[in-house]
N, C-alpha and C. Protein backbone atom coordinates (compact mmCIF):
# COMPACT_ATOMS: atom_id res chain seq x y z
N MET A 1 71.94 106.74 71.70
CA MET A 1 71.36 105.70 73.55
C MET A 1 71.50 105.63 73.57
N GLY A 2 70.27 104.22 72.15
CA GLY A 2 70.04 102.86 73.14
C GLY A 2 71.34 102.50 73.20
N VAL A 3 72.67 102.06 72.86
CA VAL A 3 73.94 101.25 72.35
C VAL A 3 73.79 101.06 74.53
N LEU A 4 73.68 103.01 74.31
CA LEU A 4 74.35 103.58 76.01
C LEU A 4 72.74 102.54 76.84
N LEU A 5 72.21 103.01 77.32
CA LEU A 5 71.33 102.12 78.10
C LEU A 5 71.41 100.43 77.67
N LYS A 6 71.63 100.43 77.05
CA LYS A 6 72.03 98.26 77.16
C LYS A 6 72.03 97.99 78.34
N ILE A 7 73.97 98.34 77.88
CA ILE A 7 75.06 98.53 78.01
C ILE A 7 74.38 98.76 80.01
N SER A 8 73.58 99.54 80.06
CA SER A 8 73.09 100.63 81.46
C SER A 8 72.77 98.97 82.01
N ARG A 9 71.21 98.62 81.67
CA ARG A 9 70.56 97.38 82.12
C ARG A 9 71.10 96.08 82.50
N LEU A 10 72.35 96.61 81.72
CA LEU A 10 73.31 94.78 81.43
C LEU A 10 74.37 94.83 83.48
N ILE A 11 74.51 96.76 83.37
CA ILE A 11 75.84 96.48 84.67
C ILE A 11 74.01 96.34 86.08
N ASP A 12 73.04 97.06 85.81
CA ASP A 12 72.42 96.97 86.53
C ASP A 12 71.45 95.42 87.03
N PHE A 13 71.39 94.49 85.74
CA PHE A 13 71.53 93.32 86.34
C PHE A 13 72.51 92.47 86.52
N VAL A 14 74.21 92.74 86.40
CA VAL A 14 75.35 92.46 87.51
C VAL A 14 74.78 92.46 89.25
N ALA A 15 74.29 94.13 88.81
CA ALA A 15 74.49 94.79 90.37
C ALA A 15 73.14 93.54 91.04
N GLU A 16 72.27 93.29 90.72
CA GLU A 16 71.10 93.20 92.18
C GLU A 16 71.30 92.17 91.58
N TRP A 17 72.17 91.37 91.00
CA TRP A 17 72.31 90.25 91.35
C TRP A 17 73.15 89.73 92.62
N ILE A 18 74.57 91.08 92.34
CA ILE A 18 75.67 90.84 92.79
C ILE A 18 75.10 90.64 94.45
N GLY A 19 73.43 92.27 94.81
CA GLY A 19 73.29 93.06 96.28
C GLY A 19 72.28 91.53 96.86
N ARG A 20 72.22 90.88 95.28
CA ARG A 20 70.98 89.82 95.88
C ARG A 20 71.56 88.48 96.69
N LEU A 21 72.78 87.83 96.08
CA LEU A 21 73.64 87.74 96.39
C LEU A 21 74.63 87.55 98.15
N VAL A 22 74.82 88.78 98.23
CA VAL A 22 75.60 89.47 99.53
C VAL A 22 74.32 89.58 100.36
N MET A 23 73.49 89.71 99.99
CA MET A 23 72.19 89.01 101.21
C MET A 23 72.12 88.31 102.24
N TRP A 24 72.24 86.89 101.83
CA TRP A 24 72.62 86.21 102.56
C TRP A 24 73.43 86.27 103.15
N LEU A 25 74.77 87.23 102.81
CA LEU A 25 76.19 87.12 104.15
C LEU A 25 75.45 88.04 105.35
N VAL A 26 74.32 89.12 105.22
CA VAL A 26 74.16 88.51 106.87
C VAL A 26 73.94 87.92 107.31
N LEU A 27 72.57 86.86 106.57
CA LEU A 27 72.56 85.61 107.53
C LEU A 27 73.51 84.70 107.69
N ALA A 28 73.97 84.40 107.05
CA ALA A 28 75.70 83.37 107.53
C ALA A 28 76.40 83.74 108.10
N ALA A 29 76.82 85.71 108.43
CA ALA A 29 77.85 86.05 110.18
C ALA A 29 76.46 86.01 110.92
N VAL A 30 75.29 86.21 110.99
CA VAL A 30 74.52 85.57 111.72
C VAL A 30 74.59 84.62 112.51
N VAL A 31 74.34 83.94 111.56
CA VAL A 31 74.61 82.28 112.02
C VAL A 31 76.20 81.66 112.76
N ILE A 32 76.84 81.99 111.95
CA ILE A 32 78.48 82.21 112.76
C ILE A 32 78.35 83.14 114.24
N SER A 33 77.54 84.22 113.78
CA SER A 33 78.16 84.48 115.43
C SER A 33 76.68 84.07 116.85
N ALA A 34 76.55 84.14 116.57
CA ALA A 34 75.26 82.81 117.00
C ALA A 34 75.50 81.27 117.30
N ILE A 35 76.70 81.01 116.51
CA ILE A 35 77.27 79.49 117.26
C ILE A 35 79.10 79.77 117.83
N ASN A 36 79.33 80.39 117.33
CA ASN A 36 80.23 81.85 117.86
C ASN A 36 80.26 81.53 119.74
N ALA A 37 78.67 82.68 119.95
CA ALA A 37 78.31 82.32 121.26
C ALA A 37 78.13 81.39 122.18
N VAL A 38 77.57 80.78 121.49
CA VAL A 38 77.09 79.58 121.51
C VAL A 38 77.87 78.19 122.29
N MET A 39 78.82 77.73 121.34
CA MET A 39 80.01 77.38 122.12
C MET A 39 81.09 77.43 123.20
N ARG A 40 81.02 79.74 122.57
CA ARG A 40 81.68 80.28 123.81
C ARG A 40 81.49 80.13 125.62
N LYS A 41 79.77 80.49 125.58
CA LYS A 41 79.88 80.23 126.89
C LYS A 41 79.40 79.06 127.47
N LEU A 42 78.43 78.55 126.67
CA LEU A 42 78.43 76.63 127.28
C LEU A 42 79.60 75.90 127.55
N PHE A 43 80.77 76.16 126.58
CA PHE A 43 81.50 74.71 126.14
C PHE A 43 83.57 75.50 125.72
N SER A 44 83.06 77.03 126.78
CA SER A 44 83.98 77.29 126.33
C SER A 44 85.23 77.76 125.75
N LEU A 45 84.75 77.27 123.57
CA LEU A 45 84.97 77.09 123.31
C LEU A 45 84.94 78.54 122.09
N SER A 46 86.97 78.47 121.34
CA SER A 46 86.05 79.67 121.04
C SER A 46 87.56 80.35 119.74
N SER A 47 87.66 80.94 119.01
CA SER A 47 88.46 80.83 117.72
C SER A 47 88.14 82.35 117.08
N ASN A 48 89.92 82.31 117.24
CA ASN A 48 89.77 84.46 116.45
C ASN A 48 89.62 82.89 115.10
N ALA A 49 89.56 83.43 114.62
CA ALA A 49 89.14 82.71 112.83
C ALA A 49 87.45 82.88 113.57
N TYR A 50 86.76 83.06 113.50
CA TYR A 50 85.68 83.13 113.21
C TYR A 50 84.35 84.00 114.01
N LEU A 51 85.78 85.13 114.98
CA LEU A 51 85.82 86.04 114.72
C LEU A 51 85.78 86.95 113.30
N GLU A 52 86.85 86.98 113.17
CA GLU A 52 87.07 87.80 112.16
C GLU A 52 86.34 87.04 110.56
N VAL A 53 85.90 86.32 109.85
CA VAL A 53 84.49 85.24 109.15
C VAL A 53 83.61 86.38 109.27
N GLN A 54 83.62 86.87 110.46
CA GLN A 54 81.70 87.99 110.94
C GLN A 54 82.55 89.26 110.45
N TRP A 55 83.19 89.82 110.43
CA TRP A 55 83.42 90.46 109.96
C TRP A 55 84.42 90.34 108.69
N TYR A 56 84.89 89.66 108.11
CA TYR A 56 85.09 88.94 106.55
C TYR A 56 83.90 89.97 106.57
N LEU A 57 82.79 89.30 106.20
CA LEU A 57 81.61 88.82 106.25
C LEU A 57 81.30 90.31 106.26
N PHE A 58 80.52 91.07 107.12
CA PHE A 58 79.93 92.69 106.80
C PHE A 58 80.54 92.91 105.96
N ALA A 59 82.68 93.47 106.27
CA ALA A 59 83.54 93.62 104.66
C ALA A 59 82.93 93.15 103.23
N ALA A 60 82.25 92.69 102.97
CA ALA A 60 81.51 92.03 101.97
C ALA A 60 80.30 92.59 101.46
N VAL A 61 79.36 92.31 102.71
CA VAL A 61 78.15 92.99 102.94
C VAL A 61 78.14 94.47 102.01
N PHE A 62 78.88 95.06 102.72
CA PHE A 62 79.95 97.28 102.77
C PHE A 62 79.49 97.49 101.46
N MET A 63 81.13 96.16 101.32
CA MET A 63 82.67 96.53 99.98
C MET A 63 81.27 95.81 98.64
N LEU A 64 80.48 94.56 98.29
CA LEU A 64 80.08 94.63 97.24
C LEU A 64 78.22 95.29 97.11
N GLY A 65 77.86 94.72 98.06
CA GLY A 65 76.03 95.47 98.10
C GLY A 65 76.11 97.54 97.30
N ALA A 66 77.42 97.77 97.78
CA ALA A 66 77.49 99.96 97.50
C ALA A 66 77.05 99.80 96.09
N GLY A 67 76.89 99.54 95.13
CA GLY A 67 76.12 99.60 93.77
C GLY A 67 74.88 98.47 93.50
N TYR A 68 74.83 97.95 94.77
CA TYR A 68 72.99 97.29 94.69
C TYR A 68 72.41 98.61 95.16
N VAL A 69 73.13 98.75 96.04
CA VAL A 69 72.74 100.54 96.96
C VAL A 69 71.96 101.79 95.80
N PHE A 70 73.90 101.63 95.13
CA PHE A 70 73.04 103.21 94.52
C PHE A 70 71.58 102.90 93.09
N LEU A 71 72.36 101.13 93.01
CA LEU A 71 70.16 100.26 91.97
C LEU A 71 69.93 101.83 92.51
N HIS A 72 69.97 101.08 93.31
CA HIS A 72 67.53 100.96 94.03
C HIS A 72 67.81 102.58 94.31
N ASN A 73 68.85 103.81 94.46
CA ASN A 73 69.03 105.05 94.90
C ASN A 73 68.58 104.72 96.45
N GLY A 74 69.05 104.26 97.41
CA GLY A 74 68.92 104.21 98.69
C GLY A 74 70.49 104.58 99.25
N HIS A 75 71.34 105.76 98.79
CA HIS A 75 71.92 106.32 99.01
C HIS A 75 71.53 107.54 99.41
N VAL A 76 72.85 108.09 100.12
CA VAL A 76 72.09 109.01 101.36
C VAL A 76 72.46 110.27 100.81
N ARG A 77 70.63 111.39 100.57
CA ARG A 77 70.43 112.64 99.74
C ARG A 77 69.97 113.22 101.14
N ILE A 78 70.42 114.82 100.40
CA ILE A 78 69.44 115.54 100.80
C ILE A 78 68.60 115.53 100.95
N ASP A 79 67.82 115.07 100.33
CA ASP A 79 66.39 115.25 100.65
C ASP A 79 65.42 116.33 100.81
N PHE A 80 66.14 117.34 101.64
CA PHE A 80 64.69 118.57 102.14
C PHE A 80 65.53 119.48 101.38
N ILE A 81 66.93 119.60 99.71
CA ILE A 81 67.15 120.09 99.20
C ILE A 81 66.84 119.57 97.92
N SER A 82 66.73 118.13 97.09
CA SER A 82 67.16 117.95 96.19
C SER A 82 65.12 117.39 95.97
N SER A 83 64.72 117.22 97.29
CA SER A 83 62.76 117.29 97.46
C SER A 83 62.44 118.25 96.29
N ARG A 84 62.50 119.32 96.52
CA ARG A 84 62.63 120.94 96.05
C ARG A 84 62.43 120.75 94.97
N LEU A 85 63.98 120.21 94.09
CA LEU A 85 63.92 119.98 93.03
C LEU A 85 63.05 119.79 92.02
N THR A 86 63.33 120.29 90.15
CA THR A 86 63.33 119.58 89.89
C THR A 86 63.17 118.70 88.63
N LYS A 87 63.09 117.50 88.66
CA LYS A 87 63.88 116.01 88.33
C LYS A 87 64.82 116.53 87.48
N ARG A 88 64.91 116.50 86.63
CA ARG A 88 65.80 117.76 85.64
C ARG A 88 67.04 118.22 85.86
N THR A 89 67.09 118.95 87.28
CA THR A 89 67.89 120.23 88.44
C THR A 89 68.56 118.98 88.61
N ASN A 90 67.69 118.05 88.84
CA ASN A 90 68.62 116.48 89.97
C ASN A 90 68.61 115.48 89.19
N ALA A 91 68.36 115.55 88.08
CA ALA A 91 69.46 114.42 87.64
C ALA A 91 70.86 115.36 86.53
N ILE A 92 70.60 116.72 86.18
CA ILE A 92 72.06 117.77 86.78
C ILE A 92 72.91 117.39 87.50
N ILE A 93 72.05 117.38 88.93
CA ILE A 93 73.56 117.95 89.77
C ILE A 93 73.97 116.25 89.80
N ASP A 94 73.10 115.23 90.12
CA ASP A 94 73.93 113.78 89.68
C ASP A 94 74.88 113.55 88.76
N ALA A 95 74.30 113.76 87.56
CA ALA A 95 75.28 113.73 86.52
C ALA A 95 76.27 114.48 86.91
N LEU A 96 76.86 115.44 87.14
CA LEU A 96 78.41 116.39 87.54
C LEU A 96 78.49 115.71 88.46
N GLY A 97 77.76 114.67 89.95
CA GLY A 97 78.88 114.68 90.97
C GLY A 97 79.16 113.14 90.36
N ILE A 98 78.38 113.11 89.40
CA ILE A 98 79.55 110.60 89.29
C ILE A 98 80.43 110.95 88.31
N VAL A 99 80.34 112.77 87.36
CA VAL A 99 81.58 112.39 86.84
C VAL A 99 83.08 113.21 87.60
N ILE A 100 82.42 114.31 87.93
CA ILE A 100 83.23 115.31 88.87
C ILE A 100 84.29 114.36 90.03
N PHE A 101 82.76 113.26 91.42
CA PHE A 101 83.10 112.89 91.96
C PHE A 101 83.74 111.18 92.39
N LEU A 102 82.17 111.10 91.77
CA LEU A 102 82.16 109.28 92.18
C LEU A 102 82.98 108.73 90.80
N ILE A 103 83.39 108.71 90.39
CA ILE A 103 84.77 108.24 89.15
C ILE A 103 85.92 108.30 89.65
N PRO A 104 86.11 109.42 89.37
CA PRO A 104 87.12 109.93 89.98
C PRO A 104 87.66 109.50 91.45
N LEU A 105 86.97 109.08 91.85
CA LEU A 105 86.94 108.50 93.70
C LEU A 105 87.13 107.08 93.76
N CYS A 106 86.81 106.64 92.72
CA CYS A 106 86.63 104.82 92.54
C CYS A 106 88.08 104.83 91.90
N LEU A 107 88.32 105.34 91.04
CA LEU A 107 89.07 105.36 89.45
C LEU A 107 90.66 105.03 91.57
N ILE A 108 91.01 106.67 91.14
CA ILE A 108 91.91 106.46 92.20
C ILE A 108 91.81 105.41 94.24
N LEU A 109 90.94 104.74 94.68
CA LEU A 109 91.11 104.20 95.69
C LEU A 109 90.53 102.89 94.61
N ILE A 110 90.77 102.60 94.07
CA ILE A 110 91.01 100.61 92.28
C ILE A 110 92.50 101.03 92.47
N ASP A 111 92.92 102.06 91.96
CA ASP A 111 94.45 102.09 92.21
C ASP A 111 95.53 102.09 93.58
N LEU A 112 95.09 102.51 94.36
CA LEU A 112 95.79 102.78 95.92
C LEU A 112 95.74 101.88 96.38
N SER A 113 94.19 100.67 95.83
CA SER A 113 94.25 99.26 97.28
C SER A 113 94.51 97.88 96.75
N TRP A 114 94.92 98.26 94.42
CA TRP A 114 95.26 96.80 94.73
C TRP A 114 97.30 96.74 94.39
N PRO A 115 97.25 97.85 95.22
CA PRO A 115 99.25 97.03 95.38
C PRO A 115 99.15 96.31 96.56
N PHE A 116 98.04 97.56 97.35
CA PHE A 116 98.20 96.64 98.65
C PHE A 116 97.44 95.39 99.16
N PHE A 117 96.80 94.24 97.97
CA PHE A 117 95.69 93.08 97.77
C PHE A 117 97.12 93.03 97.46
N MET A 118 97.46 92.65 95.71
CA MET A 118 98.73 92.20 95.29
C MET A 118 99.51 91.89 96.97
N ASN A 119 100.43 93.07 97.09
CA ASN A 119 101.43 92.42 98.55
C ASN A 119 100.53 91.52 98.92
N ALA A 120 99.75 91.57 99.91
CA ALA A 120 98.67 90.77 100.19
C ALA A 120 99.16 89.36 100.05
N TYR A 121 98.75 89.13 99.05
CA TYR A 121 98.78 87.46 98.58
C TYR A 121 99.78 87.44 98.07
N GLU A 122 100.84 87.78 97.26
CA GLU A 122 101.92 87.38 97.14
C GLU A 122 102.78 86.98 98.78
N SER A 123 102.51 87.80 99.86
CA SER A 123 103.37 87.55 100.37
C SER A 123 102.50 86.09 101.25
N GLY A 124 101.28 85.88 101.29
CA GLY A 124 100.61 85.02 102.50
C GLY A 124 100.23 85.62 103.23
N GLU A 125 99.76 86.84 103.40
CA GLU A 125 99.94 88.18 105.25
C GLU A 125 98.94 87.12 105.63
N MET A 126 98.69 86.42 106.77
CA MET A 126 98.69 86.43 108.08
C MET A 126 97.96 86.84 108.69
N SER A 127 96.62 86.82 109.92
CA SER A 127 96.39 87.97 110.25
C SER A 127 96.72 87.90 112.15
N GLU A 128 97.74 88.91 113.13
CA GLU A 128 98.65 88.73 113.77
C GLU A 128 97.91 87.73 115.18
N ASN A 129 96.24 87.03 114.92
CA ASN A 129 95.87 87.35 115.94
C ASN A 129 95.62 84.93 115.89
N ALA A 130 96.33 85.16 116.84
CA ALA A 130 96.97 83.41 117.31
C ALA A 130 95.23 82.60 116.33
N GLY A 131 95.36 81.99 115.22
CA GLY A 131 94.59 81.36 115.29
C GLY A 131 93.17 82.24 113.93
N GLY A 132 93.98 83.23 113.77
CA GLY A 132 93.18 84.11 112.84
C GLY A 132 94.26 83.75 111.09
N LEU A 133 92.88 84.59 109.86
CA LEU A 133 92.20 84.24 108.67
C LEU A 133 93.53 84.42 108.09
N ILE A 134 93.70 84.09 106.87
CA ILE A 134 94.88 84.81 105.68
C ILE A 134 94.45 86.19 105.46
N ARG A 135 94.60 86.63 105.34
CA ARG A 135 94.07 88.80 105.27
C ARG A 135 94.23 89.18 103.04
N TRP A 136 94.07 88.11 102.15
CA TRP A 136 94.14 88.94 100.74
C TRP A 136 92.28 88.67 100.45
N PRO A 137 91.52 87.55 101.10
CA PRO A 137 90.52 88.27 100.65
C PRO A 137 89.99 88.72 101.20
N VAL A 138 89.81 89.50 102.51
CA VAL A 138 89.22 90.75 102.80
C VAL A 138 90.09 91.62 101.76
N ILE A 139 90.85 92.09 101.47
CA ILE A 139 91.63 92.91 101.33
C ILE A 139 91.23 93.03 99.97
N VAL A 140 91.46 91.94 99.56
CA VAL A 140 90.85 91.66 97.19
C VAL A 140 89.31 93.00 97.77
N LEU A 141 88.78 92.52 98.85
CA LEU A 141 86.95 93.12 99.14
C LEU A 141 87.10 95.28 98.85
N ILE A 142 88.02 95.39 98.60
CA ILE A 142 88.20 96.61 98.66
C ILE A 142 88.83 97.25 96.88
N PRO A 143 88.85 96.57 96.13
CA PRO A 143 89.16 97.28 94.95
C PRO A 143 87.99 96.50 93.97
N LEU A 144 87.58 95.20 94.15
CA LEU A 144 86.04 94.84 94.22
C LEU A 144 85.31 95.34 93.79
N GLY A 145 84.92 95.77 95.17
CA GLY A 145 84.24 96.44 95.85
C GLY A 145 83.97 98.17 95.56
N PHE A 146 85.70 99.13 94.81
CA PHE A 146 84.98 99.71 94.76
C PHE A 146 84.15 99.90 93.19
N ALA A 147 85.34 98.01 92.42
CA ALA A 147 85.39 98.57 90.80
C ALA A 147 83.47 98.62 90.28
N ILE A 148 83.54 97.18 91.20
CA ILE A 148 81.57 97.21 91.21
C ILE A 148 80.55 98.67 91.21
N LEU A 149 81.50 99.79 91.65
CA LEU A 149 80.16 101.01 91.98
C LEU A 149 81.17 101.73 91.09
N LEU A 150 82.26 101.94 90.22
CA LEU A 150 82.43 102.38 89.83
C LEU A 150 81.42 101.83 88.21
N LEU A 151 81.69 100.34 88.11
CA LEU A 151 80.54 99.97 86.57
C LEU A 151 78.69 100.92 87.04
N GLN A 152 78.17 100.67 88.79
CA GLN A 152 77.47 101.13 88.32
C GLN A 152 77.21 102.81 88.43
N ALA A 153 77.96 102.88 89.38
CA ALA A 153 78.04 104.91 87.88
C ALA A 153 77.83 105.09 86.73
N VAL A 154 78.65 104.57 86.41
CA VAL A 154 78.43 105.35 84.70
C VAL A 154 77.00 104.24 84.14
N SER A 155 76.98 103.32 84.14
CA SER A 155 74.97 102.40 84.09
C SER A 155 74.77 104.22 84.71
N GLU A 156 74.42 104.54 86.26
CA GLU A 156 73.83 105.60 86.12
C GLU A 156 73.84 106.83 85.66
N LEU A 157 75.43 106.79 85.84
CA LEU A 157 75.76 108.37 83.95
C LEU A 157 74.91 107.57 83.01
N PHE A 158 74.61 107.28 82.09
CA PHE A 158 74.25 106.86 80.64
C PHE A 158 72.24 106.89 81.35
N LYS A 159 72.74 106.69 83.00
CA LYS A 159 70.37 106.85 82.55
C LYS A 159 70.55 107.94 82.32
N ARG A 160 70.30 108.56 82.95
CA ARG A 160 70.54 111.02 83.77
C ARG A 160 71.06 111.47 82.07
N ILE A 161 71.61 111.13 81.20
CA ILE A 161 71.78 111.42 80.56
C ILE A 161 70.83 111.44 78.90
N ALA A 162 70.61 109.78 79.40
CA ALA A 162 69.15 109.24 78.44
C ALA A 162 68.21 110.20 79.01
N PHE A 163 68.00 110.93 80.35
CA PHE A 163 66.48 111.53 80.19
C PHE A 163 67.45 112.42 80.20
N LEU A 164 68.02 113.95 80.36
CA LEU A 164 68.76 114.68 79.71
C LEU A 164 67.97 114.34 78.78
N ALA A 165 68.60 114.08 77.73
CA ALA A 165 68.17 113.46 76.14
C ALA A 165 66.98 113.71 75.12
N GLY A 166 65.99 113.71 76.50
CA GLY A 166 64.80 112.68 76.33
C GLY A 166 64.48 111.32 76.43
N ALA A 167 64.74 110.76 76.02
CA ALA A 167 64.41 108.89 76.06
C ALA A 167 64.54 107.63 76.46
N ARG A 168 64.29 108.22 77.85
CA ARG A 168 63.92 107.70 79.35
C ARG A 168 62.95 108.96 79.76
N GLU A 169 62.11 108.71 81.16
CA GLU A 169 61.37 108.93 81.20
C GLU A 169 61.41 109.46 82.33
N GLU A 170 62.29 108.47 83.60
CA GLU A 170 62.35 108.60 84.66
C GLU A 170 64.39 108.89 84.75
N PRO A 171 65.03 110.15 85.76
CA PRO A 171 66.28 109.91 85.48
C PRO A 171 66.46 108.63 86.69
N PHE A 172 66.11 107.69 87.75
CA PHE A 172 66.87 106.85 88.18
C PHE A 172 65.69 104.95 87.56
N THR A 173 66.82 103.87 88.20
CA THR A 173 65.51 102.52 87.19
C THR A 173 64.97 101.68 89.25
N TYR A 174 65.05 102.38 90.13
CA TYR A 174 63.84 101.97 91.07
C TYR A 174 64.15 103.76 92.10
N SER A 175 62.44 103.82 92.38
CA SER A 175 62.68 105.48 93.67
C SER A 175 62.62 104.93 95.10
N HIS A 176 63.62 105.63 94.88
CA HIS A 176 64.05 106.03 96.47
C HIS A 176 62.89 106.14 97.09
N ASP A 177 62.01 105.56 98.40
CA ASP A 177 60.92 105.48 98.96
C ASP A 177 60.93 106.63 100.52
N ARG A 178 59.68 107.43 100.04
CA ARG A 178 60.04 108.41 100.97
C ARG A 178 59.55 107.97 102.59
N THR A 179 60.86 108.13 103.39
CA THR A 179 61.12 107.81 105.05
C THR A 179 59.67 109.10 105.70
N ALA A 180 59.40 108.17 106.66
CA ALA A 180 58.64 109.15 107.65
C ALA A 180 58.78 110.36 107.87
N GLU A 181 59.94 110.51 108.44
CA GLU A 181 60.33 111.91 108.35
C GLU A 181 60.70 113.20 107.63
N GLU A 182 60.96 112.11 106.26
CA GLU A 182 60.62 113.31 105.21
C GLU A 182 58.95 113.35 104.60
N GLU A 183 58.52 112.10 105.18
CA GLU A 183 56.55 113.32 105.23
C GLU A 183 56.20 114.40 106.10
N LEU A 184 56.72 114.50 107.34
CA LEU A 184 57.11 115.20 107.98
C LEU A 184 57.24 116.39 107.65
N VAL A 185 58.55 116.22 107.68
CA VAL A 185 58.91 117.25 107.13
C VAL A 185 57.60 118.19 106.39
N ASP A 186 57.98 117.22 105.16
CA ASP A 186 56.79 118.13 103.62
C ASP A 186 55.78 118.67 104.49
N ASP A 187 55.03 117.41 105.62
CA ASP A 187 53.43 118.22 105.89
C ASP A 187 53.94 119.36 106.89
N LEU A 188 55.05 119.70 107.56
CA LEU A 188 54.82 120.40 108.66
C LEU A 188 55.40 121.63 107.15
N ALA A 189 55.90 121.48 106.70
CA ALA A 189 56.54 122.32 105.32
C ALA A 189 54.78 123.45 104.88
N ALA A 190 53.65 122.29 104.99
CA ALA A 190 52.14 122.21 103.99
C ALA A 190 51.93 123.21 104.64
N THR A 191 51.95 123.30 105.76
CA THR A 191 51.16 122.90 106.68
C THR A 191 51.77 125.28 107.15
N ALA A 192 52.95 125.36 106.77
CA ALA A 192 52.96 126.70 107.14
C ALA A 192 53.05 127.17 106.83
N ASP A 193 52.96 126.91 105.09
CA ASP A 193 52.35 127.47 104.34
C ASP A 193 50.91 128.05 104.37
N ARG A 194 50.35 126.73 104.12
CA ARG A 194 49.15 127.24 105.03
C ARG A 194 48.35 128.98 105.58
N GLU A 195 49.45 128.37 106.77
CA GLU A 195 48.89 129.79 107.97
C GLU A 195 49.71 131.15 107.63
N GLN A 196 50.96 130.79 105.82
CA GLN A 196 50.99 132.27 105.64
C GLN A 196 50.49 132.38 104.55
N ASP A 197 49.25 131.84 104.30
CA ASP A 197 48.24 132.97 102.85
C ASP A 197 48.19 133.07 104.12
N ARG A 198 46.81 132.39 105.09
CA ARG A 198 45.77 132.53 105.50
C ARG A 198 46.25 133.75 106.48
N GLY A 199 46.85 134.47 106.98
CA GLY A 199 47.79 135.70 107.59
C GLY A 199 47.55 136.53 106.81
N ALA A 200 48.13 136.17 105.66
CA ALA A 200 48.20 137.27 104.78
C ALA A 200 46.77 137.74 104.13
N SER A 201 46.01 136.94 103.77
CA SER A 201 44.99 136.87 103.05
C SER A 201 43.82 137.93 103.97
N ARG A 202 43.78 137.94 105.32
CA ARG A 202 43.29 138.94 106.54
C ARG A 202 44.13 140.06 106.42
């Protein structure tokens, strides 16, 4: 179990590093967008390359940041249900979901997207727009992004297994911060329970 947790920590380190690097791509996209807008409005100068590099950067943030989001437990959950289950039950559901759905999905998409990337790379596929960019750098984000997510899925699976085996106190590395909406739902549920108890005692 100790070996699995060491591998998990190594994967987490890589995902954290990639996530922090990807954050700067958001700033780069904003700066490029602002420069493009100023050049177009003031000097009537623009290029499809500026527009395409913005969505290249957006694609990089989305694809490469998935593992970081999973690491920080920031992915979408049905919190109304999961918040009412025990940590052990949630860990079992997570482990099953990772093994049955997430890992196979990542493997399938890597397998499907790799030939797509290789074809674009070998042919030197270019954008159909005038002044556009070469395509393979953005296409490679698909298999690369799912490979990063696959590694993080393995890391999270190791954590759930370790938690269920009693080798970890928590199933997650990071706890998902509760939103105001989630707290409001819990407050309303607690109020309803109190009112129901008062009605039953009368």
